[in-house]
C-alpha cells in the first residue's frame, strides 16, 4: 500500500510552521497582490524578478510578506513592470 502525499496539506503545514516562527507570513501571488493593492497581472510580472522575496513549493509561489517593504524600498524609482 502506498501513501499519497497531499501537497495542499504539506503547504498548509509549512505555512503554519513558518508562521509560528518569527511571524513569517506566506501568501499566494493572488492574495499578496490583493493585500498590496496591485493588479494581479502586474504583481505576477514583479514576482518574476530574480530577487523578489518568494519561496517555491513545487509549482506554487509564496510571497514572504515581511520582506516586501524592504524589497519595494530597494527598487524605489524603478519601472517594475
N, C-alpha and C. Protein backbone atom coordinates (compact mmCIF):
# COMPACT_ATOMS: atom_id res chain seq x y z
N UNK A 1 0.85 -1.19 0.00
CA UNK A 1 0.00 0.00 0.00
C UNK A 1 0.89 1.23 0.00
N UNK A 2 0.66 2.13 -0.94
CA UNK A 2 1.45 3.36 -0.98
C UNK A 2 0.68 4.49 -0.32
N UNK A 3 1.42 5.39 0.24
CA UNK A 3 0.82 6.54 0.90
C UNK A 3 1.01 7.75 -0.01
N UNK A 4 -0.09 8.33 -0.43
CA UNK A 4 -0.02 9.52 -1.28
C UNK A 4 0.33 10.75 -0.48
N UNK A 5 1.03 11.66 -1.11
CA UNK A 5 1.40 12.91 -0.46
C UNK A 5 0.40 13.97 -0.88
N UNK A 6 -0.25 14.56 0.08
CA UNK A 6 -1.20 15.63 -0.17
C UNK A 6 -0.44 16.95 -0.12
N UNK A 7 -0.11 17.50 -1.29
CA UNK A 7 0.70 18.71 -1.33
C UNK A 7 -0.02 19.90 -0.70
N UNK A 8 -1.33 19.94 -0.78
CA UNK A 8 -2.07 21.04 -0.15
C UNK A 8 -1.91 20.99 1.37
N UNK A 9 -1.95 19.78 1.92
CA UNK A 9 -1.77 19.63 3.36
C UNK A 9 -0.34 19.99 3.77
N UNK A 10 0.63 19.58 2.98
CA UNK A 10 2.02 19.92 3.27
C UNK A 10 2.21 21.43 3.21
N UNK A 11 1.60 22.07 2.23
CA UNK A 11 1.69 23.52 2.09
C UNK A 11 1.11 24.21 3.32
N UNK A 12 -0.04 23.77 3.77
CA UNK A 12 -0.66 24.36 4.95
C UNK A 12 0.21 24.16 6.19
N UNK A 13 0.77 22.97 6.33
CA UNK A 13 1.63 22.70 7.48
C UNK A 13 2.89 23.55 7.43
N UNK A 14 3.45 23.75 6.23
CA UNK A 14 4.61 24.60 6.08
C UNK A 14 4.28 26.04 6.43
N UNK A 15 3.15 26.53 5.96
CA UNK A 15 2.71 27.88 6.29
C UNK A 15 2.56 28.04 7.80
N UNK A 16 1.90 27.07 8.42
CA UNK A 16 1.68 27.14 9.86
C UNK A 16 3.00 27.09 10.63
N UNK A 17 3.89 26.22 10.22
CA UNK A 17 5.18 26.10 10.87
C UNK A 17 5.96 27.41 10.77
N UNK A 18 6.03 27.98 9.58
CA UNK A 18 6.76 29.22 9.39
C UNK A 18 6.06 30.39 10.07
N UNK A 19 4.76 30.40 10.09
CA UNK A 19 4.02 31.48 10.72
C UNK A 19 4.26 31.50 12.22
N UNK A 20 4.50 30.35 12.81
CA UNK A 20 4.75 30.27 14.24
C UNK A 20 6.19 30.58 14.61
N UNK A 21 7.05 30.72 13.62
CA UNK A 21 8.44 31.06 13.86
C UNK A 21 8.70 32.44 13.29
N UNK A 22 8.94 33.39 14.15
CA UNK A 22 9.27 34.75 13.74
C UNK A 22 8.15 35.43 12.95
N UNK A 23 6.92 34.99 13.14
CA UNK A 23 5.76 35.62 12.50
C UNK A 23 5.90 35.76 10.98
N UNK A 24 6.43 34.76 10.32
CA UNK A 24 6.57 34.77 8.88
C UNK A 24 5.21 34.49 8.25
N UNK A 25 4.80 35.37 7.35
CA UNK A 25 3.54 35.18 6.63
C UNK A 25 3.86 34.89 5.18
N UNK A 26 3.30 33.82 4.67
CA UNK A 26 3.45 33.46 3.27
C UNK A 26 2.08 33.54 2.62
N UNK A 27 2.00 34.27 1.52
CA UNK A 27 0.74 34.39 0.80
C UNK A 27 0.93 33.99 -0.65
N UNK A 28 -0.12 33.49 -1.24
CA UNK A 28 -0.09 33.20 -2.67
C UNK A 28 0.09 34.52 -3.43
N UNK A 29 0.48 34.42 -4.68
CA UNK A 29 0.63 35.60 -5.52
C UNK A 29 -0.68 36.39 -5.56
N UNK A 30 -1.79 35.68 -5.69
CA UNK A 30 -3.10 36.32 -5.77
C UNK A 30 -3.42 37.08 -4.50
N UNK A 31 -3.24 36.43 -3.34
CA UNK A 31 -3.55 37.07 -2.06
C UNK A 31 -2.61 38.23 -1.77
N UNK A 32 -1.34 38.08 -2.10
CA UNK A 32 -0.38 39.15 -1.88
C UNK A 32 -0.71 40.37 -2.74
N UNK A 33 -1.10 40.13 -3.99
CA UNK A 33 -1.48 41.24 -4.88
C UNK A 33 -2.65 42.01 -4.30
N UNK A 34 -3.65 41.29 -3.79
CA UNK A 34 -4.81 41.95 -3.18
C UNK A 34 -4.39 42.78 -1.97
N UNK A 35 -3.56 42.19 -1.12
CA UNK A 35 -3.16 42.88 0.11
C UNK A 35 -2.33 44.13 -0.19
N UNK A 36 -1.48 44.05 -1.18
CA UNK A 36 -0.61 45.18 -1.53
C UNK A 36 -1.39 46.23 -2.34
N UNK A 37 -2.42 45.79 -3.05
CA UNK A 37 -3.21 46.71 -3.84
C UNK A 37 -2.68 46.92 -5.25
N UNK A 38 -2.04 45.89 -5.79
CA UNK A 38 -1.51 45.92 -7.14
C UNK A 38 -2.30 44.90 -7.96
N UNK A 39 -2.58 45.21 -9.20
CA UNK A 39 -3.31 44.28 -10.07
C UNK A 39 -2.55 42.97 -10.20
N UNK A 40 -3.30 41.91 -10.38
CA UNK A 40 -2.71 40.57 -10.40
C UNK A 40 -1.68 40.40 -11.52
N UNK A 41 -1.99 40.86 -12.72
CA UNK A 41 -1.04 40.70 -13.82
C UNK A 41 0.26 41.46 -13.55
N UNK A 42 0.14 42.68 -13.04
CA UNK A 42 1.34 43.47 -12.71
C UNK A 42 2.13 42.80 -11.59
N UNK A 43 1.42 42.30 -10.59
CA UNK A 43 2.11 41.67 -9.46
C UNK A 43 2.85 40.41 -9.91
N UNK A 44 2.25 39.65 -10.82
CA UNK A 44 2.92 38.45 -11.33
C UNK A 44 4.21 38.80 -12.05
N UNK A 45 4.19 39.89 -12.84
CA UNK A 45 5.40 40.33 -13.52
C UNK A 45 6.48 40.72 -12.51
N UNK A 46 6.07 41.45 -11.49
CA UNK A 46 7.01 41.87 -10.45
C UNK A 46 7.56 40.64 -9.72
N UNK A 47 6.69 39.69 -9.42
CA UNK A 47 7.11 38.49 -8.67
C UNK A 47 8.09 37.62 -9.44
N UNK A 48 8.19 37.83 -10.74
CA UNK A 48 9.15 37.07 -11.55
C UNK A 48 10.55 37.67 -11.52
N UNK A 49 10.72 38.82 -10.88
CA UNK A 49 12.05 39.41 -10.75
C UNK A 49 12.93 38.46 -9.95
N UNK A 50 14.19 38.42 -10.33
CA UNK A 50 15.13 37.46 -9.75
C UNK A 50 15.22 37.54 -8.22
N UNK A 51 15.20 38.75 -7.68
CA UNK A 51 15.41 38.91 -6.24
C UNK A 51 14.12 39.12 -5.45
N UNK A 52 12.98 38.88 -6.09
CA UNK A 52 11.70 39.07 -5.39
C UNK A 52 11.57 38.05 -4.27
N UNK A 53 11.06 38.47 -3.11
CA UNK A 53 11.00 37.57 -1.94
C UNK A 53 9.89 36.52 -2.02
N UNK A 54 10.20 35.42 -2.69
CA UNK A 54 9.25 34.31 -2.77
C UNK A 54 9.97 33.02 -2.43
N UNK A 55 9.19 32.05 -2.04
CA UNK A 55 9.66 30.67 -1.93
C UNK A 55 8.80 29.85 -2.87
N UNK A 56 9.38 28.83 -3.43
CA UNK A 56 8.64 27.96 -4.34
C UNK A 56 8.44 26.61 -3.69
N UNK A 57 7.22 26.14 -3.73
CA UNK A 57 6.88 24.81 -3.24
C UNK A 57 6.20 24.11 -4.40
N UNK A 58 6.95 23.22 -5.04
CA UNK A 58 6.51 22.62 -6.30
C UNK A 58 6.24 23.75 -7.29
N UNK A 59 5.06 23.82 -7.84
CA UNK A 59 4.75 24.88 -8.80
C UNK A 59 4.18 26.13 -8.13
N UNK A 60 3.95 26.05 -6.84
CA UNK A 60 3.32 27.16 -6.10
C UNK A 60 4.37 28.15 -5.63
N UNK A 61 4.13 29.44 -5.89
CA UNK A 61 4.99 30.50 -5.40
C UNK A 61 4.30 31.17 -4.22
N UNK A 62 5.04 31.35 -3.14
CA UNK A 62 4.52 32.01 -1.96
C UNK A 62 5.35 33.24 -1.66
N UNK A 63 4.69 34.35 -1.44
CA UNK A 63 5.36 35.62 -1.19
C UNK A 63 5.67 35.73 0.31
N UNK A 64 6.90 36.09 0.63
CA UNK A 64 7.31 36.33 2.02
C UNK A 64 6.95 37.77 2.34
N UNK A 65 5.81 37.95 2.99
CA UNK A 65 5.24 39.27 3.18
C UNK A 65 6.12 40.20 4.01
N UNK A 66 6.83 39.68 4.97
CA UNK A 66 7.68 40.52 5.82
C UNK A 66 8.82 41.16 5.03
N UNK A 67 9.21 40.56 3.91
CA UNK A 67 10.32 41.08 3.11
C UNK A 67 9.87 42.06 2.03
N UNK A 68 8.57 42.20 1.81
CA UNK A 68 8.08 43.07 0.74
C UNK A 68 8.43 44.54 0.93
N UNK A 69 8.23 45.13 2.11
CA UNK A 69 8.56 46.55 2.24
C UNK A 69 10.02 46.86 1.89
N UNK A 70 10.92 46.03 2.36
CA UNK A 70 12.34 46.24 2.06
C UNK A 70 12.59 46.10 0.56
N UNK A 71 11.99 45.08 -0.07
CA UNK A 71 12.20 44.87 -1.50
C UNK A 71 11.71 46.06 -2.30
N UNK A 72 10.49 46.54 -2.01
CA UNK A 72 9.96 47.69 -2.73
C UNK A 72 10.81 48.94 -2.47
N UNK A 73 11.30 49.11 -1.26
CA UNK A 73 12.16 50.23 -0.94
C UNK A 73 13.45 50.19 -1.75
N UNK A 74 14.03 49.01 -1.88
CA UNK A 74 15.27 48.85 -2.65
C UNK A 74 15.06 49.11 -4.13
N UNK A 75 13.83 48.99 -4.61
CA UNK A 75 13.52 49.18 -6.03
C UNK A 75 12.75 50.46 -6.30
N UNK A 76 12.79 51.36 -5.32
CA UNK A 76 12.09 52.64 -5.46
C UNK A 76 12.61 53.38 -6.68
N UNK A 77 11.69 53.89 -7.47
CA UNK A 77 12.04 54.66 -8.65
C UNK A 77 12.26 53.83 -9.91
N UNK A 78 12.30 52.50 -9.77
CA UNK A 78 12.49 51.63 -10.94
C UNK A 78 11.14 51.34 -11.60
N UNK A 79 11.18 51.13 -12.89
CA UNK A 79 9.99 50.65 -13.59
C UNK A 79 9.96 49.13 -13.39
N UNK A 80 8.97 48.65 -12.65
CA UNK A 80 8.94 47.24 -12.27
C UNK A 80 8.19 46.36 -13.27
N UNK A 81 7.26 46.93 -14.00
CA UNK A 81 6.54 46.12 -15.00
C UNK A 81 6.05 46.99 -16.12
